[in-house]
Amino acid sequence: MFRLYCPEDSLTVSSTPASIARYLNSKGFVWRWGQKFQALTVCRVLADRTYVGGDVFLRRRLLSVERVVVAAPAIVDRYTFERAQCLGAE
């Protein structure tokens, strides 16, 4: 998905989230619980820091805030992830 959105060579045009969703659906890939991909789903995946090795978020409780670190193996390099964030901001 990241390779389709952020091609490695500058000659290849990047795909839109909607076209990536159509491509994944045409290949038979499914999202959680067997749902088809949509553009919003693709955007959420492209913005999810877990794919670069983890994320940090705050868990708010009644009287406290806890910092939670989620560790995961990186399956997308940071450079590609950051490029996806820049493209998404345009």
PDB file of N, CA and C in Angstrom:
ATOM      1  N   MET A   1       0.827  -1.185   0.000  1.00  0.00           N
ATOM      2  CA  MET A   1       0.000   0.000   0.000  1.00  0.00           C
ATOM      3  C   MET A   1       0.877   1.256   0.000  1.00  0.00           C
ATOM      4  N   PHE A   2       1.922   1.250   0.835  1.00  0.00           N
ATOM      5  CA  PHE A   2       2.820   2.403   0.885  1.00  0.00           C
ATOM      6  C   PHE A   2       3.560   2.566  -0.439  1.00  0.00           C
ATOM      7  N   ARG A   3       3.922   1.455  -1.077  1.00  0.00           N
ATOM      8  CA  ARG A   3       4.625   1.548  -2.365  1.00  0.00           C
ATOM      9  C   ARG A   3       3.735   2.114  -3.462  1.00  0.00           C
ATOM     10  N   LEU A   4       2.449   1.810  -3.405  1.00  0.00           N
ATOM     11  CA  LEU A   4       1.524   2.373  -4.390  1.00  0.00           C
ATOM     12  C   LEU A   4       1.323   3.872  -4.161  1.00  0.00           C
ATOM     13  N   TYR A   5       1.273   4.263  -2.901  1.00  0.00           N
ATOM     14  CA  TYR A   5       1.030   5.670  -2.565  1.00  0.00           C
ATOM     15  C   TYR A   5       2.293   6.512  -2.724  1.00  0.00           C
ATOM     16  N   CYS A   6       3.453   5.915  -2.429  1.00  0.00           N
ATOM     17  CA  CYS A   6       4.750   6.618  -2.509  1.00  0.00           C
ATOM     18  C   CYS A   6       5.711   5.806  -3.356  1.00  0.00           C
ATOM     19  N   PRO A   7       5.574   5.854  -4.669  1.00  0.00           N
ATOM     20  CA  PRO A   7       6.494   5.075  -5.506  1.00  0.00           C
ATOM     21  C   PRO A   7       7.940   5.507  -5.278  1.00  0.00           C
ATOM     22  N   GLU A   8       8.850   4.527  -5.364  1.00  0.00           N
ATOM     23  CA  GLU A   8      10.259   4.802  -5.070  1.00  0.00           C
ATOM     24  C   GLU A   8      10.941   5.636  -6.138  1.00  0.00           C
ATOM     25  N   ASP A   9      10.513   5.497  -7.381  1.00  0.00           N
ATOM     26  CA  ASP A   9      11.139   6.315  -8.422  1.00  0.00           C
ATOM     27  C   ASP A   9      10.272   7.547  -8.695  1.00  0.00           C
ATOM     28  N   SER A  10      10.915   8.591  -9.108  1.00  0.00           N
ATOM     29  CA  SER A  10      10.204   9.856  -9.307  1.00  0.00           C
ATOM     30  C   SER A  10       9.410   9.876 -10.617  1.00  0.00           C
ATOM     31  N   LEU A  11       9.557   8.861 -11.452  1.00  0.00           N
ATOM     32  CA  LEU A  11       8.851   8.825 -12.728  1.00  0.00           C
ATOM     33  C   LEU A  11       7.452   8.218 -12.604  1.00  0.00           C
ATOM     34  N   THR A  12       7.228   7.437 -11.550  1.00  0.00           N
ATOM     35  CA  THR A  12       5.943   6.778 -11.358  1.00  0.00           C
ATOM     36  C   THR A  12       5.000   7.714 -10.609  1.00  0.00           C
ATOM     37  N   VAL A  13       3.795   7.829 -11.093  1.00  0.00           N
ATOM     38  CA  VAL A  13       2.798   8.682 -10.453  1.00  0.00           C
ATOM     39  C   VAL A  13       2.198   7.934  -9.273  1.00  0.00           C
ATOM     40  N   SER A  14       2.059   8.619  -8.145  1.00  0.00           N
ATOM     41  CA  SER A  14       1.494   7.961  -6.977  1.00  0.00           C
ATOM     42  C   SER A  14      -0.001   7.737  -7.172  1.00  0.00           C
ATOM     43  N   SER A  15      -0.506   6.698  -6.532  1.00  0.00           N
ATOM     44  CA  SER A  15      -1.924   6.363  -6.609  1.00  0.00           C
ATOM     45  C   SER A  15      -2.687   7.120  -5.536  1.00  0.00           C
ATOM     46  N   THR A  16      -3.963   7.314  -5.758  1.00  0.00           N
ATOM     47  CA  THR A  16      -4.810   7.957  -4.752  1.00  0.00           C
ATOM     48  C   THR A  16      -5.317   6.882  -3.783  1.00  0.00           C
ATOM     49  N   PRO A  17      -5.748   7.276  -2.581  1.00  0.00           N
ATOM     50  CA  PRO A  17      -6.318   6.292  -1.670  1.00  0.00           C
ATOM     51  C   PRO A  17      -7.496   5.527  -2.284  1.00  0.00           C
ATOM     52  N   ALA A  18      -8.322   6.207  -3.056  1.00  0.00           N
ATOM     53  CA  ALA A  18      -9.467   5.538  -3.684  1.00  0.00           C
ATOM     54  C   ALA A  18      -9.004   4.489  -4.706  1.00  0.00           C
ATOM     55  N   SER A  19      -7.998   4.821  -5.502  1.00  0.00           N
ATOM     56  CA  SER A  19      -7.525   3.847  -6.496  1.00  0.00           C
ATOM     57  C   SER A  19      -6.803   2.681  -5.828  1.00  0.00           C
ATOM     58  N   ILE A  20      -6.126   2.928  -4.711  1.00  0.00           N
ATOM     59  CA  ILE A  20      -5.483   1.841  -3.962  1.00  0.00           C
ATOM     60  C   ILE A  20      -6.554   0.912  -3.398  1.00  0.00           C
ATOM     61  N   ALA A  21      -7.623   1.475  -2.854  1.00  0.00           N
ATOM     62  CA  ALA A  21      -8.730   0.662  -2.315  1.00  0.00           C
ATOM     63  C   ALA A  21      -9.335  -0.206  -3.412  1.00  0.00           C
ATOM     64  N   ARG A  22      -9.568   0.371  -4.591  1.00  0.00           N
ATOM     65  CA  ARG A  22     -10.124  -0.407  -5.705  1.00  0.00           C
ATOM     66  C   ARG A  22      -9.185  -1.548  -6.099  1.00  0.00           C
ATOM     67  N   TYR A  23      -7.887  -1.247  -6.141  1.00  0.00           N
ATOM     68  CA  TYR A  23      -6.894  -2.258  -6.502  1.00  0.00           C
ATOM     69  C   TYR A  23      -6.901  -3.407  -5.492  1.00  0.00           C
ATOM     70  N   LEU A  24      -6.853  -3.075  -4.199  1.00  0.00           N
ATOM     71  CA  LEU A  24      -6.843  -4.115  -3.166  1.00  0.00           C
ATOM     72  C   LEU A  24      -8.107  -4.961  -3.209  1.00  0.00           C
ATOM     73  N   ASN A  25      -9.243  -4.322  -3.413  1.00  0.00           N
ATOM     74  CA  ASN A  25     -10.507  -5.055  -3.509  1.00  0.00           C
ATOM     75  C   ASN A  25     -10.525  -5.974  -4.732  1.00  0.00           C
ATOM     76  N   SER A  26      -9.969  -5.499  -5.849  1.00  0.00           N
ATOM     77  CA  SER A  26      -9.957  -6.317  -7.066  1.00  0.00           C
ATOM     78  C   SER A  26      -9.056  -7.543  -6.921  1.00  0.00           C
ATOM     79  N   LYS A  27      -8.064  -7.463  -6.028  1.00  0.00           N
ATOM     80  CA  LYS A  27      -7.157  -8.587  -5.776  1.00  0.00           C
ATOM     81  C   LYS A  27      -7.673  -9.513  -4.683  1.00  0.00           C
ATOM     82  N   GLY A  28      -8.825  -9.174  -4.104  1.00  0.00           N
ATOM     83  CA  GLY A  28      -9.428 -10.045  -3.098  1.00  0.00           C
ATOM     84  C   GLY A  28      -8.989  -9.790  -1.668  1.00  0.00           C
ATOM     85  N   PHE A  29      -8.218  -8.725  -1.444  1.00  0.00           N
ATOM     86  CA  PHE A  29      -7.818  -8.392  -0.077  1.00  0.00           C
ATOM     87  C   PHE A  29      -9.009  -7.824   0.683  1.00  0.00           C
ATOM     88  N   VAL A  30      -9.059  -8.105   1.967  1.00  0.00           N
ATOM     89  CA  VAL A  30     -10.133  -7.567   2.796  1.00  0.00           C
ATOM     90  C   VAL A  30      -9.536  -6.883   4.012  1.00  0.00           C
ATOM     91  N   TRP A  31     -10.288  -5.977   4.576  1.00  0.00           N
ATOM     92  CA  TRP A  31      -9.909  -5.245   5.775  1.00  0.00           C
ATOM     93  C   TRP A  31     -10.434  -6.020   6.965  1.00  0.00           C
ATOM     94  N   ARG A  32     -10.435  -5.431   8.108  1.00  0.00           N
ATOM     95  CA  ARG A  32     -10.919  -6.110   9.313  1.00  0.00           C
ATOM     96  C   ARG A  32     -12.321  -6.671   9.121  1.00  0.00           C
ATOM     97  N   TRP A  33     -12.530  -7.825   9.703  1.00  0.00           N
ATOM     98  CA  TRP A  33     -13.835  -8.479   9.687  1.00  0.00           C
ATOM     99  C   TRP A  33     -14.377  -8.709   8.282  1.00  0.00           C
ATOM    100  N   GLY A  34     -13.474  -8.849   7.311  1.00  0.00           N
ATOM    101  CA  GLY A  34     -13.885  -9.172   5.957  1.00  0.00           C
ATOM    102  C   GLY A  34     -14.447  -8.023   5.151  1.00  0.00           C
ATOM    103  N   GLN A  35     -14.294  -6.803   5.648  1.00  0.00           N
ATOM    104  CA  GLN A  35     -14.833  -5.647   4.925  1.00  0.00           C
ATOM    105  C   GLN A  35     -13.936  -5.274   3.750  1.00  0.00           C
ATOM    106  N   LYS A  36     -14.550  -4.699   2.732  1.00  0.00           N
ATOM    107  CA  LYS A  36     -13.783  -4.197   1.599  1.00  0.00           C
ATOM    108  C   LYS A  36     -13.047  -2.917   1.991  1.00  0.00           C
ATOM    109  N   PHE A  37     -11.952  -2.655   1.289  1.00  0.00           N
ATOM    110  CA  PHE A  37     -11.202  -1.418   1.518  1.00  0.00           C
ATOM    111  C   PHE A  37     -11.957  -0.229   0.950  1.00  0.00           C
ATOM    112  N   GLN A  38     -11.832   0.896   1.613  1.00  0.00           N
ATOM    113  CA  GLN A  38     -12.356   2.173   1.141  1.00  0.00           C
ATOM    114  C   GLN A  38     -11.219   3.182   1.212  1.00  0.00           C
ATOM    115  N   ALA A  39     -11.385   4.326   0.590  1.00  0.00           N
ATOM    116  CA  ALA A  39     -10.341   5.352   0.601  1.00  0.00           C
ATOM    117  C   ALA A  39      -9.982   5.748   2.029  1.00  0.00           C
ATOM    118  N   LEU A  40     -10.980   5.886   2.894  1.00  0.00           N
ATOM    119  CA  LEU A  40     -10.716   6.270   4.280  1.00  0.00           C
ATOM    120  C   LEU A  40      -9.896   5.203   4.998  1.00  0.00           C
ATOM    121  N   THR A  41     -10.153   3.945   4.714  1.00  0.00           N
ATOM    122  CA  THR A  41      -9.385   2.847   5.300  1.00  0.00           C
ATOM    123  C   THR A  41      -7.928   2.955   4.896  1.00  0.00           C
ATOM    124  N   VAL A  42      -7.680   3.200   3.625  1.00  0.00           N
ATOM    125  CA  VAL A  42      -6.313   3.349   3.124  1.00  0.00           C
ATOM    126  C   VAL A  42      -5.630   4.527   3.817  1.00  0.00           C
ATOM    127  N   CYS A  43      -6.319   5.645   3.967  1.00  0.00           N
ATOM    128  CA  CYS A  43      -5.746   6.809   4.650  1.00  0.00           C
ATOM    129  C   CYS A  43      -5.377   6.482   6.091  1.00  0.00           C
ATOM    130  N   ARG A  44      -6.223   5.723   6.768  1.00  0.00           N
ATOM    131  CA  ARG A  44      -5.934   5.344   8.155  1.00  0.00           C
ATOM    132  C   ARG A  44      -4.693   4.462   8.247  1.00  0.00           C
ATOM    133  N   VAL A  45      -4.555   3.523   7.329  1.00  0.00           N
ATOM    134  CA  VAL A  45      -3.375   2.661   7.326  1.00  0.00           C
ATOM    135  C   VAL A  45      -2.127   3.490   7.048  1.00  0.00           C
ATOM    136  N   LEU A  46      -2.195   4.378   6.071  1.00  0.00           N
ATOM    137  CA  LEU A  46      -1.033   5.196   5.716  1.00  0.00           C
ATOM    138  C   LEU A  46      -0.602   6.126   6.845  1.00  0.00           C
ATOM    139  N   ALA A  47      -1.512   6.470   7.749  1.00  0.00           N
ATOM    140  CA  ALA A  47      -1.198   7.368   8.862  1.00  0.00           C
ATOM    141  C   ALA A  47      -0.865   6.624  10.157  1.00  0.00           C
ATOM    142  N   ASP A  48      -0.965   5.317  10.164  1.00  0.00           N
ATOM    143  CA  ASP A  48      -0.772   4.533  11.382  1.00  0.00           C
ATOM    144  C   ASP A  48       0.715   4.309  11.646  1.00  0.00           C
ATOM    145  N   ARG A  49       1.215   4.892  12.722  1.00  0.00           N
ATOM    146  CA  ARG A  49       2.640   4.807  13.069  1.00  0.00           C
ATOM    147  C   ARG A  49       3.069   3.400  13.483  1.00  0.00           C
ATOM    148  N   THR A  50       2.135   2.529  13.744  1.00  0.00           N
ATOM    149  CA  THR A  50       2.482   1.160  14.120  1.00  0.00           C
ATOM    150  C   THR A  50       3.294   0.485  13.023  1.00  0.00           C
ATOM    151  N   TYR A  51       3.072   0.846  11.769  1.00  0.00           N
ATOM    152  CA  TYR A  51       3.773   0.209  10.652  1.00  0.00           C
ATOM    153  C   TYR A  51       5.254   0.546  10.602  1.00  0.00           C
ATOM    154  N   VAL A  52       5.690   1.577  11.346  1.00  0.00           N
ATOM    155  CA  VAL A  52       7.116   1.908  11.398  1.00  0.00           C
ATOM    156  C   VAL A  52       7.742   1.466  12.713  1.00  0.00           C
ATOM    157  N   GLY A  53       7.051   0.632  13.454  1.00  0.00           N
ATOM    158  CA  GLY A  53       7.664   0.046  14.634  1.00  0.00           C
ATOM    159  C   GLY A  53       7.031   0.421  15.948  1.00  0.00           C
ATOM    160  N   GLY A  54       5.891   1.029  15.940  1.00  0.00           N
ATOM    161  CA  GLY A  54       5.217   1.304  17.197  1.00  0.00           C
ATOM    162  C   GLY A  54       4.617   2.686  17.255  1.00  0.00           C
ATOM    163  N   ASP A  55       3.953   2.934  18.345  1.00  0.00           N
ATOM    164  CA  ASP A  55       3.275   4.214  18.525  1.00  0.00           C
ATOM    165  C   ASP A  55       3.171   4.500  20.013  1.00  0.00           C
ATOM    166  N   VAL A  56       2.924   5.739  20.334  1.00  0.00           N
ATOM    167  CA  VAL A  56       2.719   6.159  21.712  1.00  0.00           C
ATOM    168  C   VAL A  56       1.398   6.911  21.757  1.00  0.00           C
ATOM    169  N   PHE A  57       0.573   6.574  22.719  1.00  0.00           N
ATOM    170  CA  PHE A  57      -0.664   7.321  22.875  1.00  0.00           C
ATOM    171  C   PHE A  57      -0.962   7.494  24.356  1.00  0.00           C
ATOM    172  N   LEU A  58      -1.866   8.388  24.656  1.00  0.00           N
ATOM    173  CA  LEU A  58      -2.242   8.660  26.038  1.00  0.00           C
ATOM    174  C   LEU A  58      -3.567   7.983  26.348  1.00  0.00           C
ATOM    175  N   ARG A  59      -3.589   7.280  27.454  1.00  0.00           N
ATOM    176  CA  ARG A  59      -4.827   6.661  27.932  1.00  0.00           C
ATOM    177  C   ARG A  59      -5.320   7.512  29.100  1.00  0.00           C
ATOM    178  N   ARG A  60      -6.475   8.098  28.926  1.00  0.00           N
ATOM    179  CA  ARG A  60      -7.022   8.966  29.961  1.00  0.00           C
ATOM    180  C   ARG A  60      -7.982   8.179  30.831  1.00  0.00           C
ATOM    181  N   ARG A  61      -7.765   8.285  32.104  1.00  0.00           N
ATOM    182  CA  ARG A  61      -8.651   7.673  33.089  1.00  0.00           C
ATOM    183  C   ARG A  61      -9.296   8.792  33.896  1.00  0.00           C
ATOM    184  N   LEU A  62     -10.104   8.443  34.827  1.00  0.00           N
ATOM    185  CA  LEU A  62     -10.861   9.435  35.585  1.00  0.00           C
ATOM    186  C   LEU A  62      -9.975  10.529  36.173  1.00  0.00           C
ATOM    187  N   LEU A  63      -8.916  10.168  36.883  1.00  0.00           N
ATOM    188  CA  LEU A  63      -8.065  11.167  37.523  1.00  0.00           C
ATOM    189  C   LEU A  63      -6.615  11.111  37.068  1.00  0.00           C
ATOM    190  N   SER A  64      -6.326  10.361  36.026  1.00  0.00           N
ATOM    191  CA  SER A  64      -4.934  10.244  35.599  1.00  0.00           C
ATOM    192  C   SER A  64      -4.825  10.105  34.083  1.00  0.00           C
ATOM    193  N   VAL A  65      -3.612  10.310  33.625  1.00  0.00           N
ATOM    194  CA  VAL A  65      -3.282  10.109  32.215  1.00  0.00           C
ATOM    195  C   VAL A  65      -2.078   9.186  32.179  1.00  0.00           C
ATOM    196  N   GLU A  66      -2.184   8.136  31.403  1.00  0.00           N
ATOM    197  CA  GLU A  66      -1.114   7.153  31.310  1.00  0.00           C
ATOM    198  C   GLU A  66      -0.557   7.139  29.892  1.00  0.00           C
ATOM    199  N   ARG A  67       0.747   7.162  29.778  1.00  0.00           N
ATOM    200  CA  ARG A  67       1.409   7.081  28.470  1.00  0.00           C
ATOM    201  C   ARG A  67       1.598   5.612  28.131  1.00  0.00           C
ATOM    202  N   VAL A  68       1.068   5.178  26.989  1.00  0.00           N
ATOM    203  CA  VAL A  68       1.140   3.777  26.577  1.00  0.00           C
ATOM    204  C   VAL A  68       1.993   3.691  25.313  1.00  0.00           C
ATOM    205  N   VAL A  69       2.987   2.818  25.361  1.00  0.00           N
ATOM    206  CA  VAL A  69       3.861   2.589  24.208  1.00  0.00           C
ATOM    207  C   VAL A  69       3.493   1.248  23.602  1.00  0.00           C
ATOM    208  N   VAL A  70       3.177   1.244  22.322  1.00  0.00           N
ATOM    209  CA  VAL A  70       2.854   0.020  21.600  1.00  0.00           C
ATOM    210  C   VAL A  70       4.051  -0.321  20.722  1.00  0.00           C
ATOM    211  N   ALA A  71       4.690  -1.425  21.013  1.00  0.00           N
ATOM    212  CA  ALA A  71       5.844  -1.859  20.218  1.00  0.00           C
ATOM    213  C   ALA A  71       5.387  -2.873  19.170  1.00  0.00           C
ATOM    214  N   ALA A  72       5.933  -2.747  17.987  1.00  0.00           N
ATOM    215  CA  ALA A  72       5.607  -3.667  16.899  1.00  0.00           C
ATOM    216  C   ALA A  72       6.795  -3.710  15.945  1.00  0.00           C
ATOM    217  N   PRO A  73       6.952  -4.793  15.212  1.00  0.00           N
ATOM    218  CA  PRO A  73       8.041  -4.819  14.229  1.00  0.00           C
ATOM    219  C   PRO A  73       7.741  -3.833  13.096  1.00  0.00           C
ATOM    220  N   ALA A  74       8.758  -3.151  12.660  1.00  0.00           N
ATOM    221  CA  ALA A  74       8.600  -2.187  11.553  1.00  0.00           C
ATOM    222  C   ALA A  74       8.466  -2.947  10.239  1.00  0.00           C
ATOM    223  N   ILE A  75       7.403  -2.654   9.498  1.00  0.00           N
ATOM    224  CA  ILE A  75       7.252  -3.262   8.175  1.00  0.00           C
ATOM    225  C   ILE A  75       7.326  -2.217   7.068  1.00  0.00           C
ATOM    226  N   VAL A  76       7.438  -0.939   7.462  1.00  0.00           N
ATOM    227  CA  VAL A  76       7.624   0.168   6.518  1.00  0.00           C
ATOM    228  C   VAL A  76       8.773   1.011   7.047  1.00  0.00           C
ATOM    229  N   ASP A  77       9.706   1.365   6.180  1.00  0.00           N
ATOM    230  CA  ASP A  77      10.809   2.197   6.658  1.00  0.00           C
ATOM    231  C   ASP A  77      10.325   3.625   6.929  1.00  0.00           C
ATOM    232  N   ARG A  78      11.010   4.312   7.828  1.00  0.00           N
ATOM    233  CA  ARG A  78      10.600   5.660   8.243  1.00  0.00           C
ATOM    234  C   ARG A  78      10.549   6.649   7.083  1.00  0.00           C
ATOM    235  N   TYR A  79      11.504   6.541   6.172  1.00  0.00           N
ATOM    236  CA  TYR A  79      11.542   7.456   5.037  1.00  0.00           C
ATOM    237  C   TYR A  79      10.254   7.354   4.215  1.00  0.00           C
ATOM    238  N   THR A  80       9.838   6.129   3.892  1.00  0.00           N
ATOM    239  CA  THR A  80       8.610   5.930   3.116  1.00  0.00           C
ATOM    240  C   THR A  80       7.403   6.412   3.904  1.00  0.00           C
ATOM    241  N   PHE A  81       7.370   6.117   5.202  1.00  0.00           N
ATOM    242  CA  PHE A  81       6.245   6.552   6.031  1.00  0.00           C
ATOM    243  C   PHE A  81       6.147   8.078   6.044  1.00  0.00           C
ATOM    244  N   GLU A  82       7.265   8.754   6.238  1.00  0.00           N
ATOM    245  CA  GLU A  82       7.256  10.225   6.279  1.00  0.00           C
ATOM    246  C   GLU A  82       6.862  10.813   4.925  1.00  0.00           C
ATOM    247  N   ARG A  83       7.291  10.182   3.836  1.00  0.00           N
ATOM    248  CA  ARG A  83       6.865  10.643   2.506  1.00  0.00           C
ATOM    249  C   ARG A  83       5.361  10.527   2.352  1.00  0.00           C
ATOM    250  N   ALA A  84       4.787   9.443   2.866  1.00  0.00           N
ATOM    251  CA  ALA A  84       3.333   9.263   2.789  1.00  0.00           C
ATOM    252  C   ALA A  84       2.620  10.363   3.579  1.00  0.00           C
ATOM    253  N   GLN A  85       3.192  10.757   4.717  1.00  0.00           N
ATOM    254  CA  GLN A  85       2.583  11.811   5.510  1.00  0.00           C
ATOM    255  C   GLN A  85       2.627  13.151   4.761  1.00  0.00           C
ATOM    256  N   CYS A  86       3.739  13.412   4.105  1.00  0.00           N
ATOM    257  CA  CYS A  86       3.866  14.660   3.324  1.00  0.00           C
ATOM    258  C   CYS A  86       2.899  14.674   2.148  1.00  0.00           C
ATOM    259  N   LEU A  87       2.774  13.555   1.447  1.00  0.00           N
ATOM    260  CA  LEU A  87       1.846  13.494   0.324  1.00  0.00           C
ATOM    261  C   LEU A  87       0.412  13.671   0.793  1.00  0.00           C
ATOM    262  N   GLY A  88       0.083  13.094   1.942  1.00  0.00           N
ATOM    263  CA  GLY A  88      -1.261  13.212   2.482  1.00  0.00           C
ATOM    264  C   GLY A  88      -1.601  14.619   2.922  1.00  0.00           C
ATOM    265  N   ALA A  89      -0.596  15.396   3.275  1.00  0.00           N
ATOM    266  CA  ALA A  89      -0.815  16.766   3.721  1.00  0.00           C
ATOM    267  C   ALA A  89      -1.019  17.731   2.562  1.00  0.00           C
ATOM    268  N   GLU A  90      -0.668  17.296   1.367  1.00  0.00           N
ATOM    269  CA  GLU A  90      -0.773  18.198   0.199  1.00  0.00           C
ATOM    270  C   GLU A  90      -2.203  18.358  -0.250  1.00  0.00           C
TER     271      GLU A  90
END
